[in-house]
Amino acid sequence: MLHPYVNSKTGITIYTLVWFIVATIQTFVLIYFLDLQYGYAILDAVIFNAVFYFLGLTLWYPTNFIDFENTSVTRLFVNHATGAVITALLWIGLSYFILIRIPPANEAYQTFLENTLIWRFLTGLLFYAIIVSINYIMIYYNNFKEKLQKESELNALIKEAELKTLKYQINPHFIFNSLNSISSLTISDPGKAREMTIKLSAFMRGTLSKNEKQKNKLSEELDNVKLYLDIEKIRFEEKFELVEELGTDCKKIEVPSMLLQPLFENAIKHGVYESLDKVTIKLNCREEDGYLKITVSNNYDKDVMPRKGEGIGLKNIQNRLKLFYNQDNLLHVNKDDNEFKVDIFIPTEES
């Protein structure tokens, strides 16, 4: 781990400012409380604090080496107690050596210096404890931040894998339904079956080329839906129509890719396929209370026994919306006597 003071302009600035403040306070105490001469007071404060300034920088390395979380309390105490004593003695020795020579100390100041060695030693122990404690706090904070970042990256990878799994689930579902349609047309109308196969191939080629994208603009999703409906038109001809009611900015907003596809598949499978009358599939989109509300609805014949399905489409949409937006209330399904309606809510601030 890089040194938090040496390798950071902000860190070294704060560290230097702290020692400047300590030196200023010491000068004030020496002059006004211990009656030391002004010049010796400034020199004493500057030398002692300058020496510990540099010693304090070196304390990062033993602190970083002695792991707080994986070292026993006894060993931690012994190591740092030894380090504190050595640091305090080294501090006093270097400072004393400098002060009695540069400039040569008078007898009164040298006596004062010798008489204060004990409390200076205790101060050195205190400085050591404070610096090491701050170092451990920074190490813990950096490790915690790194752990959160790794967890965030891991969760993002897991989320991306889940989203891809869900998205890839749509294509086989769609292919299965389309192949069923083609299969039925091969007997009744081989020409339409061939046309449908060609359009299905074009549709899948375009879909797979965008397969890595997790989001698309609503306009792109709608283009895919229209390609799908063109394929189904070959089979059902004029048995259904699409009615669009889109707000001005709706098409620009991004939504999860392949979001609308399952809804229109359901409309074809449970509405158009079962109904003898023409089915109107409506797509409505507007902004509402911070959400983009997308509604897909279709009429159906209530007197016909509904086709059984596995419900893959709606479950898939609900799961993907929850993964994308961390909300489980973004899909609403309503069914009355002659209309099936699905409302999807997309948080606009997420788009």
Protein backbone atom coordinates (compact mmCIF):
# COMPACT_ATOMS: atom_id res chain seq x y z
CA MET A 1 0.00 0.00 0.00
CA LEU A 2 1.39 3.42 -0.97
CA HIS A 3 2.39 5.87 1.75
CA PRO A 4 -0.70 8.06 2.41
CA TYR A 5 1.40 11.16 3.14
CA VAL A 6 4.38 10.94 0.79
CA ASN A 7 2.31 9.86 -2.24
CA SER A 8 -0.44 12.41 -1.79
CA LYS A 9 -0.18 16.20 -2.01
CA THR A 10 -3.16 16.58 0.29
CA GLY A 11 -1.77 14.02 2.74
CA ILE A 12 1.68 15.60 3.01
CA THR A 13 0.15 19.07 3.28
CA ILE A 14 -2.09 18.07 6.18
CA TYR A 15 0.75 16.16 7.86
CA THR A 16 3.06 19.19 7.61
CA LEU A 17 0.35 21.56 8.86
CA VAL A 18 -0.28 19.38 11.92
CA TRP A 19 3.40 19.44 12.91
CA PHE A 20 3.55 23.20 12.33
CA ILE A 21 0.64 23.65 14.73
CA VAL A 22 2.29 21.33 17.29
CA ALA A 23 5.56 23.31 17.01
CA THR A 24 3.67 26.59 17.46
CA ILE A 25 1.90 25.32 20.58
CA GLN A 26 5.19 24.01 22.01
CA THR A 27 6.85 27.38 21.41
CA PHE A 28 4.00 29.13 23.21
CA VAL A 29 4.22 26.73 26.20
CA LEU A 30 8.03 27.05 26.45
CA ILE A 31 7.90 30.86 26.45
CA TYR A 32 4.86 31.62 28.58
CA PHE A 33 4.75 28.65 30.96
CA LEU A 34 8.38 27.54 31.29
CA ASP A 35 10.01 31.00 30.90
CA LEU A 36 12.43 29.84 28.22
CA GLN A 37 14.18 32.49 26.17
CA TYR A 38 12.35 33.34 22.97
CA GLY A 39 15.14 32.22 20.61
CA TYR A 40 15.77 28.91 22.41
CA ALA A 41 12.02 28.23 22.61
CA ILE A 42 11.60 28.55 18.83
CA LEU A 43 14.74 26.48 18.14
CA ASP A 44 13.68 23.78 20.61
CA ALA A 45 10.21 23.49 19.10
CA VAL A 46 11.48 23.51 15.49
CA ILE A 47 14.21 20.87 16.00
CA PHE A 48 12.19 18.45 18.15
CA ASN A 49 9.16 18.60 15.87
CA ALA A 50 11.19 18.48 12.66
CA VAL A 51 12.96 15.32 13.82
CA PHE A 52 9.69 13.62 14.74
CA TYR A 53 8.19 14.89 11.47
CA PHE A 54 10.58 12.64 9.55
CA LEU A 55 10.48 9.80 12.09
CA GLY A 56 6.69 9.86 11.90
CA LEU A 57 6.82 9.31 8.13
CA THR A 58 8.83 6.12 8.63
CA LEU A 59 6.27 4.73 11.10
CA TRP A 60 3.91 3.95 8.20
CA TYR A 61 6.04 0.99 7.16
CA PRO A 62 6.09 -0.99 10.45
CA THR A 63 2.40 -0.14 10.91
CA ASN A 64 1.62 -1.49 7.45
CA PHE A 65 3.81 -4.56 8.08
CA ILE A 66 2.28 -5.47 11.46
CA ASP A 67 -1.23 -6.54 10.46
CA PHE A 68 -3.73 -5.27 13.03
CA GLU A 69 -6.40 -7.84 12.14
CA ASN A 70 -4.19 -10.95 11.91
CA THR A 71 -1.77 -10.31 14.78
CA SER A 72 -2.47 -11.36 18.36
CA VAL A 73 -3.06 -8.60 20.91
CA THR A 74 0.02 -9.59 22.93
CA ARG A 75 2.33 -9.61 19.93
CA LEU A 76 0.83 -6.36 18.66
CA PHE A 77 1.41 -4.67 22.03
CA VAL A 78 4.99 -5.96 22.39
CA ASN A 79 5.95 -4.95 18.85
CA HIS A 80 4.57 -1.44 19.13
CA ALA A 81 5.78 -0.93 22.70
CA THR A 82 9.29 -1.78 21.51
CA GLY A 83 8.86 0.44 18.47
CA ALA A 84 7.58 3.31 20.62
CA VAL A 85 10.55 3.13 23.02
CA ILE A 86 13.09 2.95 20.18
CA THR A 87 11.41 5.81 18.31
CA ALA A 88 11.20 8.01 21.44
CA LEU A 89 14.87 7.38 22.36
CA LEU A 90 15.98 8.01 18.79
CA TRP A 91 13.94 11.20 18.70
CA ILE A 92 15.40 12.54 21.93
CA GLY A 93 18.96 11.49 21.02
CA LEU A 94 18.94 13.15 17.58
CA SER A 95 17.21 16.29 18.82
CA TYR A 96 19.55 16.62 21.82
CA PHE A 97 22.62 16.10 19.63
CA ILE A 98 21.51 18.88 17.27
CA LEU A 99 20.39 21.35 19.96
CA ILE A 100 23.56 21.32 22.02
CA ARG A 101 25.72 21.97 18.93
CA ILE A 102 23.70 24.19 16.54
CA PRO A 103 24.16 26.79 17.95
CA PRO A 104 26.20 25.87 21.02
CA ALA A 105 23.73 25.75 23.91
CA ASN A 106 24.32 27.89 26.99
CA GLU A 107 24.46 26.19 30.38
CA ALA A 108 20.94 27.26 31.42
CA TYR A 109 19.31 25.85 28.26
CA GLN A 110 21.38 22.63 28.42
CA THR A 111 20.28 22.14 32.04
CA PHE A 112 16.66 22.78 30.99
CA LEU A 113 17.07 20.29 28.15
CA GLU A 114 18.43 17.57 30.42
CA ASN A 115 15.74 18.18 33.04
CA THR A 116 12.96 17.76 30.49
CA LEU A 117 14.16 14.54 28.87
CA ILE A 118 11.70 12.39 30.84
CA TRP A 119 8.56 14.26 29.78
CA ARG A 120 9.95 14.51 26.24
CA PHE A 121 10.37 10.72 26.25
CA LEU A 122 6.76 10.31 27.40
CA THR A 123 5.68 12.80 24.72
CA GLY A 124 7.54 10.69 22.14
CA LEU A 125 5.60 7.62 23.24
CA LEU A 126 2.36 9.59 22.91
CA PHE A 127 3.30 10.86 19.44
CA TYR A 128 4.13 7.29 18.37
CA ALA A 129 0.78 5.98 19.66
CA ILE A 130 -1.18 8.75 17.90
CA ILE A 131 0.59 8.34 14.55
CA VAL A 132 0.35 4.53 14.59
CA SER A 133 -3.34 4.70 15.54
CA ILE A 134 -4.05 7.12 12.67
CA ASN A 135 -2.09 4.85 10.32
CA TYR A 136 -4.17 1.84 11.35
CA ILE A 137 -7.37 3.81 10.85
CA MET A 138 -6.26 4.74 7.33
CA ILE A 139 -5.23 1.15 6.56
CA TYR A 140 -8.58 -0.13 7.82
CA TYR A 141 -10.46 2.52 5.83
CA ASN A 142 -8.52 1.76 2.63
CA ASN A 143 -9.01 -1.98 3.07
CA PHE A 144 -12.71 -1.46 3.75
CA LYS A 145 -13.07 0.78 0.69
CA GLU A 146 -11.18 -1.74 -1.45
CA LYS A 147 -13.38 -4.54 -0.13
CA LEU A 148 -16.53 -2.58 -0.95
CA GLN A 149 -15.19 -1.87 -4.44
CA LYS A 150 -14.41 -5.55 -5.04
CA GLU A 151 -17.84 -6.56 -3.74
CA SER A 152 -19.42 -3.94 -5.99
CA GLU A 153 -17.47 -5.24 -9.00
CA LEU A 154 -18.40 -8.84 -8.13
CA ASN A 155 -22.07 -7.92 -7.73
CA ALA A 156 -21.95 -6.09 -11.06
CA LEU A 157 -20.48 -9.18 -12.74
CA ILE A 158 -23.11 -11.43 -11.14
CA LYS A 159 -25.87 -9.02 -12.13
CA GLU A 160 -24.55 -8.84 -15.70
CA ALA A 161 -24.41 -12.65 -15.89
CA GLU A 162 -28.00 -12.93 -14.60
CA LEU A 163 -29.20 -10.31 -17.06
CA LYS A 164 -27.50 -12.07 -19.95
CA THR A 165 -28.99 -15.39 -18.89
CA LEU A 166 -32.45 -13.88 -18.77
CA LYS A 167 -31.99 -12.10 -22.08
CA TYR A 168 -30.71 -15.22 -23.82
CA GLN A 169 -33.79 -17.01 -22.51
CA ILE A 170 -35.97 -14.76 -24.70
CA ASN A 171 -34.46 -15.77 -28.05
CA PRO A 172 -35.11 -19.53 -27.73
CA HIS A 173 -38.63 -18.72 -26.54
CA PHE A 174 -39.26 -16.54 -29.58
CA ILE A 175 -37.64 -19.03 -31.98
CA PHE A 176 -39.80 -21.83 -30.60
CA ASN A 177 -42.98 -19.86 -31.24
CA SER A 178 -41.86 -18.75 -34.70
CA LEU A 179 -40.83 -22.25 -35.76
CA ASN A 180 -44.23 -23.49 -34.70
CA SER A 181 -45.79 -20.92 -37.00
CA ILE A 182 -43.48 -21.87 -39.87
CA SER A 183 -44.17 -25.53 -39.29
CA SER A 184 -47.91 -25.05 -39.60
CA LEU A 185 -47.47 -22.98 -42.78
CA THR A 186 -45.28 -25.54 -44.54
CA ILE A 187 -48.38 -27.64 -45.11
CA SER A 188 -51.04 -24.98 -45.66
CA ASP A 189 -48.96 -22.42 -47.55
CA PRO A 190 -45.31 -23.34 -48.38
CA GLY A 191 -44.74 -19.98 -50.08
CA LYS A 192 -45.61 -18.06 -46.90
CA ALA A 193 -43.54 -20.49 -44.86
CA ARG A 194 -40.53 -19.67 -47.05
CA GLU A 195 -41.18 -15.92 -46.77
CA MET A 196 -41.55 -16.22 -43.01
CA THR A 197 -38.30 -18.18 -42.76
CA ILE A 198 -36.40 -15.49 -44.69
CA LYS A 199 -37.82 -12.69 -42.48
CA LEU A 200 -37.12 -14.70 -39.35
CA SER A 201 -33.53 -15.12 -40.48
CA ALA A 202 -33.19 -11.37 -41.06
CA PHE A 203 -34.78 -10.63 -37.69
CA MET A 204 -32.47 -13.01 -35.81
CA ARG A 205 -29.40 -11.66 -37.62
CA GLY A 206 -30.27 -8.13 -36.51
CA THR A 207 -31.11 -9.24 -32.97
CA LEU A 208 -27.90 -11.23 -32.47
CA SER A 209 -25.78 -8.33 -33.73
CA LYS A 210 -27.07 -6.29 -30.76
CA ASN A 211 -27.00 -9.14 -28.30
CA GLU A 212 -24.26 -7.71 -26.06
CA LYS A 213 -26.16 -4.49 -25.37
CA GLN A 214 -28.13 -4.54 -22.15
CA LYS A 215 -30.13 -1.41 -23.04
CA ASN A 216 -31.59 0.04 -26.21
CA LYS A 217 -33.60 3.11 -27.04
CA LEU A 218 -37.32 2.45 -27.05
CA SER A 219 -37.37 3.32 -30.75
CA GLU A 220 -34.92 0.46 -31.43
CA GLU A 221 -36.99 -1.95 -29.38
CA LEU A 222 -40.08 -0.90 -31.30
CA ASP A 223 -38.30 -1.51 -34.60
CA ASN A 224 -37.54 -5.07 -33.47
CA VAL A 225 -41.15 -5.57 -32.44
CA LYS A 226 -42.39 -4.41 -35.83
CA LEU A 227 -40.04 -6.87 -37.54
CA TYR A 228 -41.52 -9.61 -35.37
CA LEU A 229 -45.07 -8.51 -36.18
CA ASP A 230 -44.22 -8.48 -39.90
CA ILE A 231 -43.24 -12.12 -39.52
CA GLU A 232 -46.50 -12.96 -37.78
CA LYS A 233 -48.47 -10.95 -40.38
CA ILE A 234 -47.43 -13.52 -42.96
CA ARG A 235 -49.28 -16.13 -41.00
CA PHE A 236 -52.24 -14.19 -39.62
CA GLU A 237 -52.52 -11.58 -42.39
CA GLU A 238 -55.14 -8.96 -41.38
CA LYS A 239 -56.17 -10.70 -38.19
CA PHE A 240 -54.44 -8.08 -35.98
CA GLU A 241 -53.26 -4.48 -36.10
CA LEU A 242 -50.87 -2.38 -34.07
CA VAL A 243 -51.95 0.98 -32.66
CA GLU A 244 -49.24 3.28 -31.24
CA GLU A 245 -49.74 6.15 -28.82
CA LEU A 246 -46.28 7.41 -27.94
CA GLY A 247 -45.29 10.54 -26.08
CA THR A 248 -42.86 13.00 -27.67
CA ASP A 249 -39.70 11.92 -25.84
CA CYS A 250 -40.57 8.28 -25.22
CA LYS A 251 -38.57 6.86 -28.11
CA LYS A 252 -35.34 8.45 -26.86
CA ILE A 253 -35.42 6.82 -23.42
CA GLU A 254 -33.35 3.65 -22.96
CA VAL A 255 -35.01 0.47 -21.74
CA PRO A 256 -33.70 -3.07 -21.15
CA SER A 257 -33.16 -4.76 -24.51
CA MET A 258 -35.76 -7.31 -25.69
CA LEU A 259 -38.19 -5.84 -23.14
CA LEU A 260 -41.24 -5.54 -25.42
CA GLN A 261 -40.73 -8.73 -27.41
CA PRO A 262 -42.33 -11.15 -24.89
CA LEU A 263 -45.37 -8.87 -24.47
CA PHE A 264 -46.18 -8.93 -28.18
CA GLU A 265 -45.55 -12.66 -28.31
CA ASN A 266 -48.14 -13.08 -25.55
CA ALA A 267 -50.57 -10.87 -27.46
CA ILE A 268 -50.16 -13.02 -30.57
CA LYS A 269 -50.26 -16.33 -28.73
CA HIS A 270 -53.13 -15.64 -26.32
CA GLY A 271 -55.03 -12.99 -28.29
CA VAL A 272 -54.64 -13.32 -32.04
CA TYR A 273 -54.23 -17.09 -32.15
CA GLU A 274 -57.36 -17.78 -30.12
CA SER A 275 -59.67 -15.04 -31.40
CA LEU A 276 -61.99 -15.25 -34.38
CA ASP A 277 -62.31 -11.46 -34.51
CA LYS A 278 -59.65 -8.93 -35.37
CA VAL A 279 -57.35 -8.16 -32.45
CA THR A 280 -56.03 -4.68 -31.75
CA ILE A 281 -52.65 -4.57 -30.05
CA LYS A 282 -52.09 -1.18 -28.44
CA LEU A 283 -48.77 0.29 -27.40
CA ASN A 284 -49.01 3.32 -25.17
CA CYS A 285 -46.08 5.24 -23.73
CA ARG A 286 -45.94 8.38 -21.58
CA GLU A 287 -44.00 9.88 -18.70
CA GLU A 288 -45.73 9.64 -15.36
CA ASP A 289 -44.40 10.69 -11.91
CA GLY A 290 -40.73 10.09 -12.66
CA TYR A 291 -41.36 6.92 -14.65
CA LEU A 292 -41.76 6.01 -18.28
CA LYS A 293 -45.02 4.07 -18.35
CA ILE A 294 -45.23 1.56 -21.21
CA THR A 295 -48.55 -0.19 -21.69
CA VAL A 296 -49.17 -3.09 -24.07
CA SER A 297 -52.76 -4.28 -24.29
CA ASN A 298 -54.85 -6.48 -26.56
CA ASN A 299 -58.43 -7.65 -26.73
CA TYR A 300 -59.17 -11.38 -26.67
CA ASP A 301 -62.08 -13.76 -26.95
CA LYS A 302 -63.19 -14.52 -23.41
CA ASP A 303 -65.30 -17.49 -24.54
CA VAL A 304 -62.30 -19.40 -25.89
CA MET A 305 -60.33 -21.68 -23.59
CA PRO A 306 -57.00 -19.90 -23.06
CA ARG A 307 -53.82 -21.61 -24.26
CA LYS A 308 -51.60 -22.91 -21.52
CA GLY A 309 -48.12 -21.47 -21.31
CA GLU A 310 -45.11 -21.54 -19.05
CA GLY A 311 -45.28 -17.80 -18.36
CA ILE A 312 -41.62 -17.37 -19.29
CA GLY A 313 -42.09 -13.97 -20.93
CA LEU A 314 -43.68 -12.02 -18.06
CA LYS A 315 -41.47 -13.68 -15.42
CA ASN A 316 -38.44 -12.83 -17.49
CA ILE A 317 -39.43 -9.18 -17.77
CA GLN A 318 -40.18 -8.92 -14.06
CA ASN A 319 -36.82 -10.46 -13.09
CA ARG A 320 -34.86 -8.28 -15.48
CA LEU A 321 -36.58 -5.09 -14.29
CA LYS A 322 -35.78 -5.99 -10.69
CA LEU A 323 -32.11 -6.58 -11.56
CA PHE A 324 -31.83 -3.37 -13.56
CA TYR A 325 -33.61 -0.99 -11.19
CA ASN A 326 -33.65 -2.84 -7.85
CA GLN A 327 -37.44 -2.53 -7.63
CA ASP A 328 -39.96 -5.35 -7.73
CA ASN A 329 -43.08 -3.28 -8.48
CA LEU A 330 -42.33 -2.21 -12.06
CA LEU A 331 -44.59 -4.73 -13.81
CA HIS A 332 -48.39 -4.71 -13.43
CA VAL A 333 -50.70 -7.16 -15.17
CA ASN A 334 -54.44 -6.52 -15.50
CA LYS A 335 -57.03 -8.74 -17.13
CA ASP A 336 -60.73 -8.03 -17.47
CA ASP A 337 -63.53 -9.60 -19.52
CA ASN A 338 -62.11 -8.74 -22.93
CA GLU A 339 -58.73 -7.01 -22.49
CA PHE A 340 -55.33 -8.14 -21.30
CA LYS A 341 -53.03 -5.27 -20.28
CA VAL A 342 -49.44 -5.09 -19.05
CA ASP A 343 -47.96 -1.90 -17.57
CA ILE A 344 -44.19 -1.48 -17.32
CA PHE A 345 -42.63 1.37 -15.37
CA ILE A 346 -39.09 2.51 -16.23
CA PRO A 347 -37.45 5.00 -13.81
CA THR A 348 -36.56 7.92 -16.08
CA GLU A 349 -33.62 9.03 -13.93
CA GLU A 350 -32.00 5.64 -14.61
CA SER A 351 -32.30 5.93 -18.35
